[in-house]
Amino acid sequence: MGHAYVVGEGCEEALVLGVCSSADDGLMDSLMSLHG
């Protein structure tokens, strides 16, 4: 699934919170292995 993060005109800074959820106990390890 694609994602997009946009900010309104005039905004110079943003805080982004990403949340993932799964019934798979190994989700965190799988995600961490993708990004080193």
PDB file of N, CA and C in Angstrom:
ATOM      1  N   MET A   1       0.845  -1.167   0.000  1.00  0.00           N
ATOM      2  CA  MET A   1       0.000   0.000   0.000  1.00  0.00           C
ATOM      3  C   MET A   1       0.896   1.238   0.000  1.00  0.00           C
ATOM      4  N   GLY A   2       0.643   2.148  -0.914  1.00  0.00           N
ATOM      5  CA  GLY A   2       1.412   3.383  -0.967  1.00  0.00           C
ATOM      6  C   GLY A   2       0.982   4.363   0.109  1.00  0.00           C
ATOM      7  N   HIS A   3       1.891   5.249   0.448  1.00  0.00           N
ATOM      8  CA  HIS A   3       1.613   6.272   1.459  1.00  0.00           C
ATOM      9  C   HIS A   3       2.082   7.629   0.942  1.00  0.00           C
ATOM     10  N   ALA A   4       1.513   8.671   1.461  1.00  0.00           N
ATOM     11  CA  ALA A   4       1.957  10.027   1.140  1.00  0.00           C
ATOM     12  C   ALA A   4       1.891  10.863   2.408  1.00  0.00           C
ATOM     13  N   TYR A   5       2.883  11.682   2.596  1.00  0.00           N
ATOM     14  CA  TYR A   5       2.915  12.590   3.745  1.00  0.00           C
ATOM     15  C   TYR A   5       2.951  14.003   3.182  1.00  0.00           C
ATOM     16  N   VAL A   6       1.963  14.784   3.494  1.00  0.00           N
ATOM     17  CA  VAL A   6       1.869  16.139   2.964  1.00  0.00           C
ATOM     18  C   VAL A   6       1.756  17.127   4.115  1.00  0.00           C
ATOM     19  N   VAL A   7       2.121  18.364   3.827  1.00  0.00           N
ATOM     20  CA  VAL A   7       2.054  19.415   4.838  1.00  0.00           C
ATOM     21  C   VAL A   7       1.410  20.642   4.208  1.00  0.00           C
ATOM     22  N   GLY A   8       0.672  21.376   5.001  1.00  0.00           N
ATOM     23  CA  GLY A   8      -0.012  22.557   4.507  1.00  0.00           C
ATOM     24  C   GLY A   8       0.952  23.685   4.182  1.00  0.00           C
ATOM     25  N   GLU A   9       0.525  24.551   3.279  1.00  0.00           N
ATOM     26  CA  GLU A   9       1.327  25.698   2.876  1.00  0.00           C
ATOM     27  C   GLU A   9       1.681  26.558   4.088  1.00  0.00           C
ATOM     28  N   GLY A  10       2.922  26.966   4.160  1.00  0.00           N
ATOM     29  CA  GLY A  10       3.386  27.805   5.260  1.00  0.00           C
ATOM     30  C   GLY A  10       3.905  27.029   6.457  1.00  0.00           C
ATOM     31  N   CYS A  11       3.703  25.723   6.475  1.00  0.00           N
ATOM     32  CA  CYS A  11       4.199  24.899   7.572  1.00  0.00           C
ATOM     33  C   CYS A  11       5.658  24.539   7.289  1.00  0.00           C
ATOM     34  N   GLU A  12       6.538  24.823   8.237  1.00  0.00           N
ATOM     35  CA  GLU A  12       7.962  24.559   8.043  1.00  0.00           C
ATOM     36  C   GLU A  12       8.442  23.304   8.758  1.00  0.00           C
ATOM     37  N   GLU A  13       7.625  22.767   9.643  1.00  0.00           N
ATOM     38  CA  GLU A  13       8.053  21.613  10.421  1.00  0.00           C
ATOM     39  C   GLU A  13       6.841  20.741  10.726  1.00  0.00           C
ATOM     40  N   ALA A  14       7.063  19.422  10.754  1.00  0.00           N
ATOM     41  CA  ALA A  14       5.971  18.494  11.062  1.00  0.00           C
ATOM     42  C   ALA A  14       6.511  17.340  11.900  1.00  0.00           C
ATOM     43  N   LEU A  15       5.671  16.783  12.708  1.00  0.00           N
ATOM     44  CA  LEU A  15       5.981  15.597  13.491  1.00  0.00           C
ATOM     45  C   LEU A  15       5.134  14.463  12.926  1.00  0.00           C
ATOM     46  N   VAL A  16       5.781  13.348  12.585  1.00  0.00           N
ATOM     47  CA  VAL A  16       5.076  12.220  11.979  1.00  0.00           C
ATOM     48  C   VAL A  16       5.155  11.039  12.932  1.00  0.00           C
ATOM     49  N   LEU A  17       4.017  10.431  13.181  1.00  0.00           N
ATOM     50  CA  LEU A  17       3.940   9.237  14.015  1.00  0.00           C
ATOM     51  C   LEU A  17       3.435   8.098  13.147  1.00  0.00           C
ATOM     52  N   GLY A  18       4.244   7.067  13.000  1.00  0.00           N
ATOM     53  CA  GLY A  18       3.836   5.898  12.222  1.00  0.00           C
ATOM     54  C   GLY A  18       3.535   4.742  13.163  1.00  0.00           C
ATOM     55  N   VAL A  19       2.420   4.085  12.965  1.00  0.00           N
ATOM     56  CA  VAL A  19       2.006   2.987  13.838  1.00  0.00           C
ATOM     57  C   VAL A  19       1.708   1.756  12.984  1.00  0.00           C
ATOM     58  N   CYS A  20       2.282   0.624  13.370  1.00  0.00           N
ATOM     59  CA  CYS A  20       2.015  -0.644  12.688  1.00  0.00           C
ATOM     60  C   CYS A  20       1.422  -1.615  13.697  1.00  0.00           C
ATOM     61  N   SER A  21       0.502  -2.435  13.240  1.00  0.00           N
ATOM     62  CA  SER A  21      -0.137  -3.407  14.117  1.00  0.00           C
ATOM     63  C   SER A  21      -0.292  -4.724  13.372  1.00  0.00           C
ATOM     64  N   SER A  22      -0.095  -5.818  14.093  1.00  0.00           N
ATOM     65  CA  SER A  22      -0.242  -7.129  13.477  1.00  0.00           C
ATOM     66  C   SER A  22      -0.403  -8.188  14.563  1.00  0.00           C
ATOM     67  N   ALA A  23      -1.079  -9.263  14.224  1.00  0.00           N
ATOM     68  CA  ALA A  23      -1.174 -10.408  15.126  1.00  0.00           C
ATOM     69  C   ALA A  23       0.113 -11.235  15.080  1.00  0.00           C
ATOM     70  N   ASP A  24       0.986 -10.969  14.106  1.00  0.00           N
ATOM     71  CA  ASP A  24       2.253 -11.687  13.946  1.00  0.00           C
ATOM     72  C   ASP A  24       3.245 -11.228  15.006  1.00  0.00           C
ATOM     73  N   ASP A  25       3.695 -12.158  15.849  1.00  0.00           N
ATOM     74  CA  ASP A  25       4.656 -11.819  16.901  1.00  0.00           C
ATOM     75  C   ASP A  25       5.994 -11.338  16.359  1.00  0.00           C
ATOM     76  N   GLY A  26       6.328 -11.691  15.112  1.00  0.00           N
ATOM     77  CA  GLY A  26       7.618 -11.325  14.537  1.00  0.00           C
ATOM     78  C   GLY A  26       7.585 -10.060  13.704  1.00  0.00           C
ATOM     79  N   LEU A  27       6.494  -9.282  13.768  1.00  0.00           N
ATOM     80  CA  LEU A  27       6.373  -8.092  12.924  1.00  0.00           C
ATOM     81  C   LEU A  27       7.522  -7.113  13.141  1.00  0.00           C
ATOM     82  N   MET A  28       7.829  -6.795  14.379  1.00  0.00           N
ATOM     83  CA  MET A  28       8.878  -5.810  14.640  1.00  0.00           C
ATOM     84  C   MET A  28      10.216  -6.264  14.067  1.00  0.00           C
ATOM     85  N   ASP A  29      10.573  -7.522  14.273  1.00  0.00           N
ATOM     86  CA  ASP A  29      11.832  -8.029  13.723  1.00  0.00           C
ATOM     87  C   ASP A  29      11.848  -7.981  12.204  1.00  0.00           C
ATOM     88  N   SER A  30      10.720  -8.300  11.583  1.00  0.00           N
ATOM     89  CA  SER A  30      10.634  -8.265  10.119  1.00  0.00           C
ATOM     90  C   SER A  30      10.829  -6.844   9.598  1.00  0.00           C
ATOM     91  N   LEU A  31      10.174  -5.885  10.240  1.00  0.00           N
ATOM     92  CA  LEU A  31      10.296  -4.490   9.810  1.00  0.00           C
ATOM     93  C   LEU A  31      11.715  -3.951  10.020  1.00  0.00           C
ATOM     94  N   MET A  32      12.304  -4.281  11.156  1.00  0.00           N
ATOM     95  CA  MET A  32      13.656  -3.810  11.457  1.00  0.00           C
ATOM     96  C   MET A  32      14.676  -4.405  10.480  1.00  0.00           C
ATOM     97  N   SER A  33      14.483  -5.624  10.038  1.00  0.00           N
ATOM     98  CA  SER A  33      15.436  -6.243   9.115  1.00  0.00           C
ATOM     99  C   SER A  33      15.365  -5.590   7.742  1.00  0.00           C
ATOM    100  N   LEU A  34      14.239  -4.996   7.397  1.00  0.00           N
ATOM    101  CA  LEU A  34      14.114  -4.301   6.118  1.00  0.00           C
ATOM    102  C   LEU A  34      14.946  -3.032   6.062  1.00  0.00           C
ATOM    103  N   HIS A  35      15.171  -2.407   7.213  1.00  0.00           N
ATOM    104  CA  HIS A  35      15.828  -1.103   7.264  1.00  0.00           C
ATOM    105  C   HIS A  35      17.141  -1.129   8.016  1.00  0.00           C
ATOM    106  N   GLY A  36      17.744  -2.277   8.105  1.00  0.00           N
ATOM    107  CA  GLY A  36      19.074  -2.389   8.672  1.00  0.00           C
ATOM    108  C   GLY A  36      19.091  -2.340  10.137  1.00  0.00           C
TER     109      GLY A  36
END
